[in-house]
Amino acid sequence: MPIQPSGELKIELPASLDAYYANFVIIQHSPSEFVLDFARVLPNMPSVRVGARILCTPMHAKLLLRALQENIERYEAQFGPIYVPQQGDALAGQLFGKVS
């Protein structure tokens, strides 16, 4: 039996939940899950500490990709194109160095 949407979803943010700024993510996957490790890379810091880890199913990862794409399109419609340097696969290495 299909599940019927029950309407609006109430989202609660705990008062103790801290926002975490991340400018770096390591993405790994297995047949059953995606693992996203978010970190903050700072100049002159030789190491990076993961600040948040998100695990999700492949379907949810694909839905996240779709939601991000839709929101990027809305953002660019309002504020203009987001500039991303075109350096191919070497871009991450140039910005963040080698990951070990």
N, C-alpha and C. Protein backbone atom coordinates (compact mmCIF):
# COMPACT_ATOMS: atom_id res chain seq x y z
N MET A 1 0.85 -1.18 0.00
CA MET A 1 0.00 0.00 0.00
C MET A 1 0.89 1.24 0.00
N PRO A 2 0.69 2.15 -0.95
CA PRO A 2 1.52 3.36 -1.00
C PRO A 2 1.27 4.26 0.20
N ILE A 3 2.31 4.94 0.63
CA ILE A 3 2.19 5.88 1.74
C ILE A 3 1.71 7.21 1.19
N GLN A 4 0.67 7.76 1.78
CA GLN A 4 0.13 9.04 1.35
C GLN A 4 0.78 10.15 2.16
N PRO A 5 1.24 11.22 1.48
CA PRO A 5 1.79 12.34 2.23
C PRO A 5 0.74 12.90 3.18
N SER A 6 1.16 13.21 4.39
CA SER A 6 0.21 13.69 5.40
C SER A 6 0.15 15.21 5.47
N GLY A 7 0.77 15.88 4.51
CA GLY A 7 0.74 17.34 4.55
C GLY A 7 2.08 17.91 4.93
N GLU A 8 2.05 19.00 5.64
CA GLU A 8 3.26 19.72 6.00
C GLU A 8 4.06 18.99 7.06
N LEU A 9 5.37 18.98 6.89
CA LEU A 9 6.27 18.34 7.83
C LEU A 9 6.78 19.38 8.82
N LYS A 10 6.67 19.10 10.09
CA LYS A 10 7.17 20.02 11.11
C LYS A 10 8.63 19.68 11.39
N ILE A 11 9.49 20.66 11.23
CA ILE A 11 10.92 20.47 11.46
C ILE A 11 11.31 21.20 12.73
N GLU A 12 11.99 20.49 13.62
CA GLU A 12 12.43 21.08 14.87
C GLU A 12 13.95 21.17 14.88
N LEU A 13 14.48 22.34 15.20
CA LEU A 13 15.92 22.52 15.37
C LEU A 13 16.21 22.66 16.86
N PRO A 14 16.96 21.71 17.43
CA PRO A 14 17.28 21.81 18.86
C PRO A 14 18.05 23.10 19.15
N ALA A 15 17.78 23.70 20.28
CA ALA A 15 18.46 24.94 20.67
C ALA A 15 19.97 24.73 20.78
N SER A 16 20.40 23.51 21.09
CA SER A 16 21.83 23.22 21.25
C SER A 16 22.53 22.90 19.93
N LEU A 17 21.79 22.87 18.82
CA LEU A 17 22.39 22.54 17.53
C LEU A 17 23.22 23.71 17.02
N ASP A 18 24.51 23.48 16.82
CA ASP A 18 25.40 24.51 16.31
C ASP A 18 25.51 24.38 14.80
N ALA A 19 25.56 25.50 14.12
CA ALA A 19 25.82 25.51 12.69
C ALA A 19 27.30 25.22 12.48
N TYR A 20 27.63 24.50 11.44
CA TYR A 20 29.02 24.17 11.15
C TYR A 20 29.33 24.63 9.74
N TYR A 21 30.30 25.52 9.59
CA TYR A 21 30.73 25.98 8.27
C TYR A 21 31.70 24.96 7.70
N ALA A 22 31.44 24.52 6.48
CA ALA A 22 32.33 23.58 5.81
C ALA A 22 32.62 24.09 4.40
N ASN A 23 33.87 24.00 4.00
CA ASN A 23 34.24 24.35 2.64
C ASN A 23 34.94 23.19 1.94
N PHE A 24 34.75 22.00 2.50
CA PHE A 24 35.41 20.80 1.98
C PHE A 24 34.55 19.60 2.35
N VAL A 25 34.40 18.67 1.42
CA VAL A 25 33.65 17.45 1.72
C VAL A 25 34.34 16.26 1.07
N ILE A 26 34.41 15.17 1.80
CA ILE A 26 34.91 13.91 1.28
C ILE A 26 33.69 13.00 1.13
N ILE A 27 33.52 12.46 -0.07
CA ILE A 27 32.34 11.62 -0.34
C ILE A 27 32.81 10.20 -0.64
N GLN A 28 32.24 9.26 0.09
CA GLN A 28 32.53 7.84 -0.12
C GLN A 28 31.19 7.12 -0.28
N HIS A 29 31.22 5.94 -0.86
CA HIS A 29 29.98 5.20 -1.01
C HIS A 29 30.23 3.70 -1.05
N SER A 30 29.17 3.00 -0.70
CA SER A 30 29.12 1.54 -0.82
C SER A 30 27.83 1.24 -1.57
N PRO A 31 27.53 -0.02 -1.82
CA PRO A 31 26.26 -0.31 -2.50
C PRO A 31 25.02 0.16 -1.72
N SER A 32 25.15 0.32 -0.42
CA SER A 32 23.96 0.63 0.39
C SER A 32 23.92 2.03 0.98
N GLU A 33 25.04 2.79 0.92
CA GLU A 33 25.01 4.11 1.55
C GLU A 33 26.05 5.04 0.96
N PHE A 34 25.79 6.33 1.14
CA PHE A 34 26.75 7.38 0.84
C PHE A 34 27.18 7.98 2.18
N VAL A 35 28.45 8.31 2.29
CA VAL A 35 29.00 8.94 3.50
C VAL A 35 29.60 10.27 3.06
N LEU A 36 29.13 11.36 3.67
CA LEU A 36 29.63 12.70 3.37
C LEU A 36 30.28 13.23 4.64
N ASP A 37 31.59 13.44 4.59
CA ASP A 37 32.34 14.01 5.72
C ASP A 37 32.64 15.47 5.40
N PHE A 38 32.06 16.37 6.17
CA PHE A 38 32.23 17.81 5.96
C PHE A 38 33.33 18.34 6.88
N ALA A 39 34.18 19.19 6.31
CA ALA A 39 35.30 19.76 7.06
C ALA A 39 35.52 21.20 6.64
N ARG A 40 36.37 21.86 7.38
CA ARG A 40 36.73 23.25 7.11
C ARG A 40 38.24 23.30 6.87
N VAL A 41 38.63 23.76 5.68
CA VAL A 41 40.04 23.91 5.35
C VAL A 41 40.43 25.36 5.58
N LEU A 42 41.50 25.57 6.34
CA LEU A 42 41.98 26.92 6.63
C LEU A 42 43.40 27.10 6.10
N PRO A 43 43.74 28.31 5.69
CA PRO A 43 45.11 28.56 5.21
C PRO A 43 46.15 28.22 6.27
N ASN A 44 47.26 27.69 5.82
CA ASN A 44 48.41 27.37 6.68
C ASN A 44 48.10 26.33 7.76
N MET A 45 47.05 25.55 7.57
CA MET A 45 46.73 24.47 8.50
C MET A 45 46.96 23.15 7.77
N PRO A 46 47.91 22.34 8.23
CA PRO A 46 48.27 21.13 7.49
C PRO A 46 47.28 19.97 7.64
N SER A 47 46.36 20.08 8.58
CA SER A 47 45.40 18.99 8.75
C SER A 47 43.99 19.54 8.81
N VAL A 48 43.05 18.66 8.58
CA VAL A 48 41.63 19.02 8.56
C VAL A 48 40.90 18.06 9.47
N ARG A 49 40.03 18.59 10.32
CA ARG A 49 39.22 17.75 11.19
C ARG A 49 37.79 17.75 10.68
N VAL A 50 37.23 16.56 10.50
CA VAL A 50 35.84 16.45 10.06
C VAL A 50 34.94 16.96 11.16
N GLY A 51 34.01 17.86 10.81
CA GLY A 51 33.10 18.45 11.78
C GLY A 51 31.72 17.86 11.77
N ALA A 52 31.36 17.20 10.65
CA ALA A 52 30.03 16.60 10.55
C ALA A 52 30.09 15.44 9.57
N ARG A 53 29.43 14.35 9.89
CA ARG A 53 29.34 13.19 9.00
C ARG A 53 27.87 12.90 8.77
N ILE A 54 27.52 12.79 7.49
CA ILE A 54 26.14 12.50 7.10
C ILE A 54 26.14 11.18 6.35
N LEU A 55 25.29 10.25 6.74
CA LEU A 55 25.11 9.00 6.04
C LEU A 55 23.71 8.97 5.46
N CYS A 56 23.60 8.51 4.20
CA CYS A 56 22.28 8.41 3.59
C CYS A 56 22.27 7.30 2.55
N THR A 57 21.09 6.91 2.14
CA THR A 57 20.95 5.89 1.11
C THR A 57 21.29 6.48 -0.25
N PRO A 58 21.60 5.64 -1.23
CA PRO A 58 21.84 6.17 -2.58
C PRO A 58 20.66 6.97 -3.11
N MET A 59 19.44 6.54 -2.83
CA MET A 59 18.28 7.29 -3.29
C MET A 59 18.24 8.68 -2.66
N HIS A 60 18.51 8.77 -1.37
CA HIS A 60 18.50 10.07 -0.71
C HIS A 60 19.65 10.94 -1.21
N ALA A 61 20.79 10.35 -1.54
CA ALA A 61 21.89 11.12 -2.11
C ALA A 61 21.48 11.73 -3.46
N LYS A 62 20.77 10.95 -4.26
CA LYS A 62 20.32 11.46 -5.55
C LYS A 62 19.25 12.54 -5.37
N LEU A 63 18.38 12.37 -4.39
CA LEU A 63 17.38 13.40 -4.11
C LEU A 63 18.05 14.68 -3.58
N LEU A 64 19.11 14.52 -2.78
CA LEU A 64 19.87 15.68 -2.31
C LEU A 64 20.51 16.40 -3.49
N LEU A 65 21.08 15.65 -4.43
CA LEU A 65 21.65 16.25 -5.63
C LEU A 65 20.60 17.05 -6.38
N ARG A 66 19.41 16.49 -6.53
CA ARG A 66 18.33 17.19 -7.23
C ARG A 66 17.93 18.46 -6.48
N ALA A 67 17.80 18.37 -5.16
CA ALA A 67 17.40 19.53 -4.36
C ALA A 67 18.47 20.63 -4.43
N LEU A 68 19.75 20.24 -4.37
CA LEU A 68 20.82 21.23 -4.49
C LEU A 68 20.79 21.89 -5.86
N GLN A 69 20.58 21.11 -6.93
CA GLN A 69 20.54 21.67 -8.27
C GLN A 69 19.39 22.67 -8.41
N GLU A 70 18.23 22.32 -7.89
CA GLU A 70 17.08 23.23 -7.95
C GLU A 70 17.35 24.52 -7.19
N ASN A 71 17.99 24.40 -6.03
CA ASN A 71 18.29 25.60 -5.24
C ASN A 71 19.39 26.44 -5.84
N ILE A 72 20.38 25.81 -6.47
CA ILE A 72 21.41 26.57 -7.18
C ILE A 72 20.79 27.34 -8.33
N GLU A 73 19.87 26.71 -9.06
CA GLU A 73 19.19 27.41 -10.16
C GLU A 73 18.40 28.61 -9.64
N ARG A 74 17.71 28.46 -8.51
CA ARG A 74 16.97 29.59 -7.92
C ARG A 74 17.92 30.69 -7.48
N TYR A 75 19.03 30.31 -6.85
CA TYR A 75 20.03 31.27 -6.40
C TYR A 75 20.56 32.07 -7.58
N GLU A 76 20.95 31.36 -8.66
CA GLU A 76 21.53 32.04 -9.81
C GLU A 76 20.50 32.91 -10.53
N ALA A 77 19.24 32.51 -10.50
CA ALA A 77 18.19 33.35 -11.10
C ALA A 77 18.06 34.66 -10.33
N GLN A 78 18.29 34.63 -9.02
CA GLN A 78 18.17 35.82 -8.19
C GLN A 78 19.45 36.64 -8.14
N PHE A 79 20.61 35.98 -8.03
CA PHE A 79 21.87 36.69 -7.78
C PHE A 79 22.87 36.63 -8.93
N GLY A 80 22.59 35.85 -9.95
CA GLY A 80 23.53 35.70 -11.06
C GLY A 80 24.34 34.43 -10.94
N PRO A 81 25.09 34.11 -11.99
CA PRO A 81 25.85 32.86 -12.01
C PRO A 81 26.89 32.78 -10.90
N ILE A 82 27.08 31.58 -10.41
CA ILE A 82 28.13 31.29 -9.42
C ILE A 82 29.39 30.95 -10.21
N TYR A 83 30.46 31.68 -9.95
CA TYR A 83 31.71 31.44 -10.65
C TYR A 83 32.44 30.25 -10.04
N VAL A 84 32.83 29.32 -10.88
CA VAL A 84 33.66 28.18 -10.47
C VAL A 84 34.82 28.11 -11.46
N PRO A 85 36.06 28.19 -10.98
CA PRO A 85 37.20 28.09 -11.90
C PRO A 85 37.15 26.78 -12.68
N GLN A 86 37.51 26.82 -13.94
CA GLN A 86 37.46 25.65 -14.81
C GLN A 86 38.85 25.01 -14.91
N GLN A 87 39.20 24.19 -13.96
CA GLN A 87 40.50 23.54 -13.97
C GLN A 87 40.38 22.02 -14.02
N GLY A 88 39.21 21.51 -14.35
CA GLY A 88 39.04 20.07 -14.46
C GLY A 88 39.23 19.36 -13.13
N ASP A 89 39.74 18.14 -13.20
CA ASP A 89 39.92 17.32 -12.01
C ASP A 89 40.96 17.88 -11.05
N ALA A 90 41.85 18.72 -11.55
CA ALA A 90 42.91 19.26 -10.70
C ALA A 90 42.43 20.39 -9.80
N LEU A 91 41.20 20.87 -9.99
CA LEU A 91 40.72 22.02 -9.23
C LEU A 91 40.76 21.77 -7.72
N ALA A 92 40.22 20.67 -7.25
CA ALA A 92 40.21 20.39 -5.80
C ALA A 92 41.62 20.34 -5.25
N GLY A 93 42.52 19.71 -5.97
CA GLY A 93 43.91 19.65 -5.53
C GLY A 93 44.55 21.01 -5.46
N GLN A 94 44.23 21.87 -6.43
CA GLN A 94 44.78 23.23 -6.42
C GLN A 94 44.23 24.05 -5.27
N LEU A 95 42.95 23.86 -4.97
CA LEU A 95 42.34 24.64 -3.89
C LEU A 95 42.70 24.10 -2.52
N PHE A 96 42.76 22.78 -2.37
CA PHE A 96 42.88 22.19 -1.04
C PHE A 96 44.13 21.33 -0.84
N GLY A 97 44.88 21.06 -1.89
CA GLY A 97 46.05 20.19 -1.77
C GLY A 97 45.62 18.73 -1.80
N LYS A 98 46.56 17.86 -1.59
CA LYS A 98 46.28 16.42 -1.63
C LYS A 98 45.67 15.99 -0.32
N VAL A 99 44.71 15.07 -0.40
CA VAL A 99 44.06 14.53 0.78
C VAL A 99 44.71 13.21 1.13
N SER A 100 45.07 13.05 2.41
CA SER A 100 45.66 11.79 2.85
C SER A 100 44.92 11.23 4.04
